PDB file of N, CA and C in Angstrom:
ATOM      1  N   MET A   1      99.838  89.892 108.616  1.00  0.00           N
ATOM      2  CA  MET A   1      99.885  91.322 108.782  1.00  0.00           C
ATOM      3  C   MET A   1     100.371  91.692 110.180  1.00  0.00           C
ATOM      4  N   LYS A   2     100.009  90.842 111.169  1.00  0.00           N
ATOM      5  CA  LYS A   2     100.452  91.104 112.527  1.00  0.00           C
ATOM      6  C   LYS A   2     101.964  90.994 112.646  1.00  0.00           C
ATOM      7  N   ILE A   3     102.537  90.064 111.891  1.00  0.00           N
ATOM      8  CA  ILE A   3     103.986  89.865 111.963  1.00  0.00           C
ATOM      9  C   ILE A   3     104.715  91.107 111.466  1.00  0.00           C
ATOM     10  N   ILE A   4     104.242  91.690 110.378  1.00  0.00           N
ATOM     11  CA  ILE A   4     104.870  92.905 109.850  1.00  0.00           C
ATOM     12  C   ILE A   4     104.732  94.044 110.860  1.00  0.00           C
ATOM     13  N   GLY A   5     103.558  94.172 111.445  1.00  0.00           N
ATOM     14  CA  GLY A   5     103.337  95.224 112.434  1.00  0.00           C
ATOM     15  C   GLY A   5     104.222  95.066 113.657  1.00  0.00           C
ATOM     16  N   ILE A   6     104.357  93.835 114.125  1.00  0.00           N
ATOM     17  CA  ILE A   6     105.203  93.582 115.290  1.00  0.00           C
ATOM     18  C   ILE A   6     106.666  93.857 114.951  1.00  0.00           C
ATOM     19  N   ALA A   7     107.095  93.422 113.764  1.00  0.00           N
ATOM     20  CA  ALA A   7     108.485  93.655 113.358  1.00  0.00           C
ATOM     21  C   ALA A   7     108.773  95.151 113.243  1.00  0.00           C
ATOM     22  N   LEU A   8     107.853  95.902 112.662  1.00  0.00           N
ATOM     23  CA  LEU A   8     108.047  97.354 112.542  1.00  0.00           C
ATOM     24  C   LEU A   8     108.026  98.037 113.908  1.00  0.00           C
ATOM     25  N   LEU A   9     107.160  97.586 114.794  1.00  0.00           N
ATOM     26  CA  LEU A   9     107.109  98.161 116.133  1.00  0.00           C
ATOM     27  C   LEU A   9     108.401  97.877 116.896  1.00  0.00           C
ATOM     28  N   MET A  10     108.914  96.662 116.774  1.00  0.00           N
ATOM     29  CA  MET A  10     110.175  96.330 117.439  1.00  0.00           C
ATOM     30  C   MET A  10     111.321  97.158 116.874  1.00  0.00           C
ATOM     31  N   MET A  11     111.350  97.328 115.545  1.00  0.00           N
ATOM     32  CA  MET A  11     112.397  98.135 114.931  1.00  0.00           C
ATOM     33  C   MET A  11     112.315  99.580 115.413  1.00  0.00           C
ATOM     34  N   GLU A  12     111.111 100.107 115.485  1.00  0.00           N
ATOM     35  CA  GLU A  12     110.925 101.485 115.940  1.00  0.00           C
ATOM     36  C   GLU A  12     111.370 101.656 117.389  1.00  0.00           C
ATOM     37  N   CYS A  13     111.021 100.710 118.248  1.00  0.00           N
ATOM     38  CA  CYS A  13     111.423 100.790 119.657  1.00  0.00           C
ATOM     39  C   CYS A  13     112.933 100.687 119.810  1.00  0.00           C
ATOM     40  N   LEU A  14     113.565  99.783 119.072  1.00  0.00           N
ATOM     41  CA  LEU A  14     115.014  99.627 119.177  1.00  0.00           C
ATOM     42  C   LEU A  14     115.753 100.840 118.627  1.00  0.00           C
ATOM     43  N   MET A  15     115.243 101.436 117.541  1.00  0.00           N
ATOM     44  CA  MET A  15     115.881 102.645 117.017  1.00  0.00           C
ATOM     45  C   MET A  15     115.713 103.811 117.983  1.00  0.00           C
ATOM     46  N   ALA A  16     114.554 103.926 118.618  1.00  0.00           N
ATOM     47  CA  ALA A  16     114.343 104.987 119.597  1.00  0.00           C
ATOM     48  C   ALA A  16     115.266 104.792 120.799  1.00  0.00           C
ATOM     49  N   PHE A  17     115.443 103.555 121.225  1.00  0.00           N
ATOM     50  CA  PHE A  17     116.353 103.263 122.333  1.00  0.00           C
ATOM     51  C   PHE A  17     117.790 103.622 121.953  1.00  0.00           C
ATOM     52  N   SER A  18     118.198 103.260 120.750  1.00  0.00           N
ATOM     53  CA  SER A  18     119.548 103.573 120.278  1.00  0.00           C
ATOM     54  C   SER A  18     119.758 105.081 120.176  1.00  0.00           C
ATOM     55  N   LEU A  19     118.768 105.790 119.640  1.00  0.00           N
ATOM     56  CA  LEU A  19     118.881 107.246 119.526  1.00  0.00           C
ATOM     57  C   LEU A  19     118.934 107.901 120.904  1.00  0.00           C
ATOM     58  N   SER A  20     118.128 107.404 121.839  1.00  0.00           N
ATOM     59  CA  SER A  20     118.141 108.016 123.169  1.00  0.00           C
ATOM     60  C   SER A  20     119.477 107.771 123.870  1.00  0.00           C
ATOM     61  N   ILE A  21     120.068 106.606 123.694  1.00  0.00           N
ATOM     62  CA  ILE A  21     121.379 106.351 124.297  1.00  0.00           C
ATOM     63  C   ILE A  21     122.422 107.290 123.692  1.00  0.00           C
ATOM     64  N   ASP A  22     122.399 107.471 122.364  1.00  0.00           N
ATOM     65  CA  ASP A  22     123.344 108.388 121.726  1.00  0.00           C
ATOM     66  C   ASP A  22     123.161 109.818 122.229  1.00  0.00           C
ATOM     67  N   ILE A  23     121.915 110.240 122.394  1.00  0.00           N
ATOM     68  CA  ILE A  23     121.657 111.603 122.864  1.00  0.00           C
ATOM     69  C   ILE A  23     122.120 111.764 124.312  1.00  0.00           C
ATOM     70  N   PHE A  24     121.907 110.745 125.153  1.00  0.00           N
ATOM     71  CA  PHE A  24     122.385 110.807 126.542  1.00  0.00           C
ATOM     72  C   PHE A  24     123.909 110.827 126.623  1.00  0.00           C
ATOM     73  N   GLN A  25     124.578 110.267 125.608  1.00  0.00           N
ATOM     74  CA  GLN A  25     126.039 110.282 125.586  1.00  0.00           C
ATOM     75  C   GLN A  25     126.596 111.622 125.127  1.00  0.00           C
ATOM     76  N   GLY A  26     125.737 112.511 124.666  1.00  0.00           N
ATOM     77  CA  GLY A  26     126.191 113.841 124.310  1.00  0.00           C
ATOM     78  C   GLY A  26     126.165 114.146 122.818  1.00  0.00           C
ATOM     79  N   PHE A  27     125.751 113.209 122.002  1.00  0.00           N
ATOM     80  CA  PHE A  27     125.638 113.490 120.569  1.00  0.00           C
ATOM     81  C   PHE A  27     124.402 114.334 120.318  1.00  0.00           C
ATOM     82  N   ASP A  28     124.452 115.152 119.272  1.00  0.00           N
ATOM     83  CA  ASP A  28     123.236 115.856 118.894  1.00  0.00           C
ATOM     84  C   ASP A  28     122.359 114.909 118.069  1.00  0.00           C
ATOM     85  N   VAL A  29     121.155 115.348 117.748  1.00  0.00           N
ATOM     86  CA  VAL A  29     120.180 114.469 117.095  1.00  0.00           C
ATOM     87  C   VAL A  29     120.660 114.045 115.715  1.00  0.00           C
ATOM     88  N   SER A  30     121.265 114.950 114.951  1.00  0.00           N
ATOM     89  CA  SER A  30     121.714 114.581 113.607  1.00  0.00           C
ATOM     90  C   SER A  30     122.833 113.548 113.662  1.00  0.00           C
ATOM     91  N   GLN A  31     123.746 113.677 114.614  1.00  0.00           N
ATOM     92  CA  GLN A  31     124.809 112.683 114.757  1.00  0.00           C
ATOM     93  C   GLN A  31     124.239 111.347 115.229  1.00  0.00           C
ATOM     94  N   ALA A  32     123.242 111.384 116.093  1.00  0.00           N
ATOM     95  CA  ALA A  32     122.605 110.150 116.561  1.00  0.00           C
ATOM     96  C   ALA A  32     121.899 109.436 115.406  1.00  0.00           C
ATOM     97  N   LEU A  33     121.228 110.206 114.546  1.00  0.00           N
ATOM     98  CA  LEU A  33     120.582 109.601 113.376  1.00  0.00           C
ATOM     99  C   LEU A  33     121.612 109.028 112.412  1.00  0.00           C
ATOM    100  N   TYR A  34     122.720 109.732 112.241  1.00  0.00           N
ATOM    101  CA  TYR A  34     123.789 109.217 111.382  1.00  0.00           C
ATOM    102  C   TYR A  34     124.346 107.906 111.939  1.00  0.00           C
ATOM    103  N   ASN A  35     124.508 107.824 113.247  1.00  0.00           N
ATOM    104  CA  ASN A  35     124.993 106.589 113.867  1.00  0.00           C
ATOM    105  C   ASN A  35     124.001 105.449 113.689  1.00  0.00           C
ATOM    106  N   ALA A  36     122.715 105.765 113.626  1.00  0.00           N
ATOM    107  CA  ALA A  36     121.700 104.726 113.476  1.00  0.00           C
ATOM    108  C   ALA A  36     121.713 104.105 112.084  1.00  0.00           C
ATOM    109  N   VAL A  37     122.056 104.881 111.061  1.00  0.00           N
ATOM    110  CA  VAL A  37     122.034 104.359 109.687  1.00  0.00           C
ATOM    111  C   VAL A  37     123.424 104.079 109.137  1.00  0.00           C
ATOM    112  N   SER A  38     124.466 104.350 109.901  1.00  0.00           N
ATOM    113  CA  SER A  38     125.818 104.161 109.383  1.00  0.00           C
ATOM    114  C   SER A  38     126.186 102.710 109.063  1.00  0.00           C
ATOM    115  N   PRO A  39     125.648 101.693 109.742  1.00  0.00           N
ATOM    116  CA  PRO A  39     126.016 100.327 109.339  1.00  0.00           C
ATOM    117  C   PRO A  39     125.614 100.002 107.896  1.00  0.00           C
ATOM    118  N   PHE A  40     124.554 100.618 107.404  1.00  0.00           N
ATOM    119  CA  PHE A  40     124.135 100.351 106.035  1.00  0.00           C
ATOM    120  C   PHE A  40     125.005 101.085 105.019  1.00  0.00           C
ATOM    121  N   ARG A  41     125.702 102.124 105.440  1.00  0.00           N
ATOM    122  CA  ARG A  41     126.553 102.889 104.527  1.00  0.00           C
ATOM    123  C   ARG A  41     127.872 102.191 104.231  1.00  0.00           C
ATOM    124  N   VAL A  42     128.313 101.329 105.121  1.00  0.00           N
ATOM    125  CA  VAL A  42     129.606 100.675 104.929  1.00  0.00           C
ATOM    126  C   VAL A  42     129.475  99.243 104.415  1.00  0.00           C
ATOM    127  N   MET A  43     128.258  98.806 104.130  1.00  0.00           N
ATOM    128  CA  MET A  43     128.056  97.452 103.631  1.00  0.00           C
ATOM    129  C   MET A  43     128.521  97.348 102.187  1.00  0.00           C
ATOM    130  N   GLU A  44     129.119  96.214 101.851  1.00  0.00           N
ATOM    131  CA  GLU A  44     129.534  95.970 100.479  1.00  0.00           C
ATOM    132  C   GLU A  44     128.345  95.455  99.681  1.00  0.00           C
ATOM    133  N   VAL A  45     128.544  95.341  98.379  1.00  0.00           N
ATOM    134  CA  VAL A  45     127.455  94.948  97.487  1.00  0.00           C
ATOM    135  C   VAL A  45     126.937  93.556  97.839  1.00  0.00           C
ATOM    136  N   ALA A  46     127.828  92.628  98.127  1.00  0.00           N
ATOM    137  CA  ALA A  46     127.405  91.267  98.470  1.00  0.00           C
ATOM    138  C   ALA A  46     126.585  91.253  99.756  1.00  0.00           C
ATOM    139  N   GLU A  47     126.977  92.052 100.737  1.00  0.00           N
ATOM    140  CA  GLU A  47     126.235  92.117 101.992  1.00  0.00           C
ATOM    141  C   GLU A  47     124.852  92.722 101.782  1.00  0.00           C
ATOM    142  N   LEU A  48     124.775  93.759 100.954  1.00  0.00           N
ATOM    143  CA  LEU A  48     123.472  94.349 100.645  1.00  0.00           C
ATOM    144  C   LEU A  48     122.586  93.367  99.891  1.00  0.00           C
ATOM    145  N   PHE A  49     123.185  92.597  98.986  1.00  0.00           N
ATOM    146  CA  PHE A  49     122.427  91.597  98.247  1.00  0.00           C
ATOM    147  C   PHE A  49     121.840  90.563  99.208  1.00  0.00           C
ATOM    148  N   VAL A  50     122.637  90.082 100.142  1.00  0.00           N
ATOM    149  CA  VAL A  50     122.150  89.096 101.111  1.00  0.00           C
ATOM    150  C   VAL A  50     121.049  89.704 101.979  1.00  0.00           C
ATOM    151  N   LEU A  51     121.217  90.945 102.399  1.00  0.00           N
ATOM    152  CA  LEU A  51     120.198  91.609 103.209  1.00  0.00           C
ATOM    153  C   LEU A  51     118.876  91.709 102.464  1.00  0.00           C
ATOM    154  N   PHE A  52     118.913  92.199 101.219  1.00  0.00           N
ATOM    155  CA  PHE A  52     117.680  92.340 100.454  1.00  0.00           C
ATOM    156  C   PHE A  52     117.092  90.993 100.066  1.00  0.00           C
ATOM    157  N   PHE A  53     117.940  89.997  99.843  1.00  0.00           N
ATOM    158  CA  PHE A  53     117.446  88.658  99.530  1.00  0.00           C
ATOM    159  C   PHE A  53     116.700  88.068 100.728  1.00  0.00           C
ATOM    160  N   LEU A  54     117.247  88.233 101.928  1.00  0.00           N
ATOM    161  CA  LEU A  54     116.568  87.731 103.119  1.00  0.00           C
ATOM    162  C   LEU A  54     115.268  88.486 103.384  1.00  0.00           C
ATOM    163  N   LEU A  55     115.269  89.788 103.150  1.00  0.00           N
ATOM    164  CA  LEU A  55     114.020  90.550 103.283  1.00  0.00           C
ATOM    165  C   LEU A  55     112.988  90.102 102.261  1.00  0.00           C
ATOM    166  N   PHE A  56     113.437  89.817 101.047  1.00  0.00           N
ATOM    167  CA  PHE A  56     112.537  89.326 100.006  1.00  0.00           C
ATOM    168  C   PHE A  56     111.940  87.981 100.400  1.00  0.00           C
ATOM    169  N   LEU A  57     112.770  87.074 100.915  1.00  0.00           N
ATOM    170  CA  LEU A  57     112.260  85.772 101.354  1.00  0.00           C
ATOM    171  C   LEU A  57     111.267  85.914 102.500  1.00  0.00           C
ATOM    172  N   PHE A  58     111.542  86.842 103.413  1.00  0.00           N
ATOM    173  CA  PHE A  58     110.633  87.087 104.523  1.00  0.00           C
ATOM    174  C   PHE A  58     109.277  87.585 104.021  1.00  0.00           C
ATOM    175  N   LEU A  59     109.301  88.547 103.113  1.00  0.00           N
ATOM    176  CA  LEU A  59     108.051  89.084 102.576  1.00  0.00           C
ATOM    177  C   LEU A  59     107.316  88.052 101.730  1.00  0.00           C
ATOM    178  N   LEU A  60     108.054  87.248 100.979  1.00  0.00           N
ATOM    179  CA  LEU A  60     107.444  86.187 100.175  1.00  0.00           C
ATOM    180  C   LEU A  60     106.763  85.169 101.074  1.00  0.00           C
ATOM    181  N   ASN A  61     107.406  84.824 102.154  1.00  0.00           N
ATOM    182  CA  ASN A  61     106.821  83.889 103.115  1.00  0.00           C
ATOM    183  C   ASN A  61     105.534  84.454 103.703  1.00  0.00           C
ATOM    184  N   LEU A  62     105.527  85.745 103.993  1.00  0.00           N
ATOM    185  CA  LEU A  62     104.310  86.366 104.539  1.00  0.00           C
ATOM    186  C   LEU A  62     103.188  86.368 103.513  1.00  0.00           C
ATOM    187  N   LEU A  63     103.506  86.623 102.264  1.00  0.00           N
ATOM    188  CA  LEU A  63     102.478  86.656 101.228  1.00  0.00           C
ATOM    189  C   LEU A  63     101.917  85.276 100.933  1.00  0.00           C
ATOM    190  N   ILE A  64     102.738  84.257 101.040  1.00  0.00           N
ATOM    191  CA  ILE A  64     102.264  82.900 100.775  1.00  0.00           C
ATOM    192  C   ILE A  64     101.235  82.477 101.819  1.00  0.00           C
ATOM    193  N   PHE A  65     101.453  82.842 103.059  1.00  0.00           N
ATOM    194  CA  PHE A  65     100.566  82.401 104.130  1.00  0.00           C
ATOM    195  C   PHE A  65      99.400  83.348 104.374  1.00  0.00           C
ATOM    196  N   LEU A  66      99.192  84.350 103.556  1.00  0.00           N
ATOM    197  CA  LEU A  66      98.029  85.226 103.713  1.00  0.00           C
ATOM    198  C   LEU A  66      96.801  84.622 103.135  1.00  0.00           C
TER     199      LEU A  66
END
């Protein structure tokens, strides 16, 4: 459970850092949020499959060791 919490905290901190850099560069908040999620919008089906497969393996590994 600690691993999930740490991973989520790291993701939250990195997204906040990315958003703050975009805002300091002059983007408004909506454009900064769009920039944060845009890499997932251009992924192809195979790339999304690999992403979700790796997330599934990560979660499965966590459940096995609980």
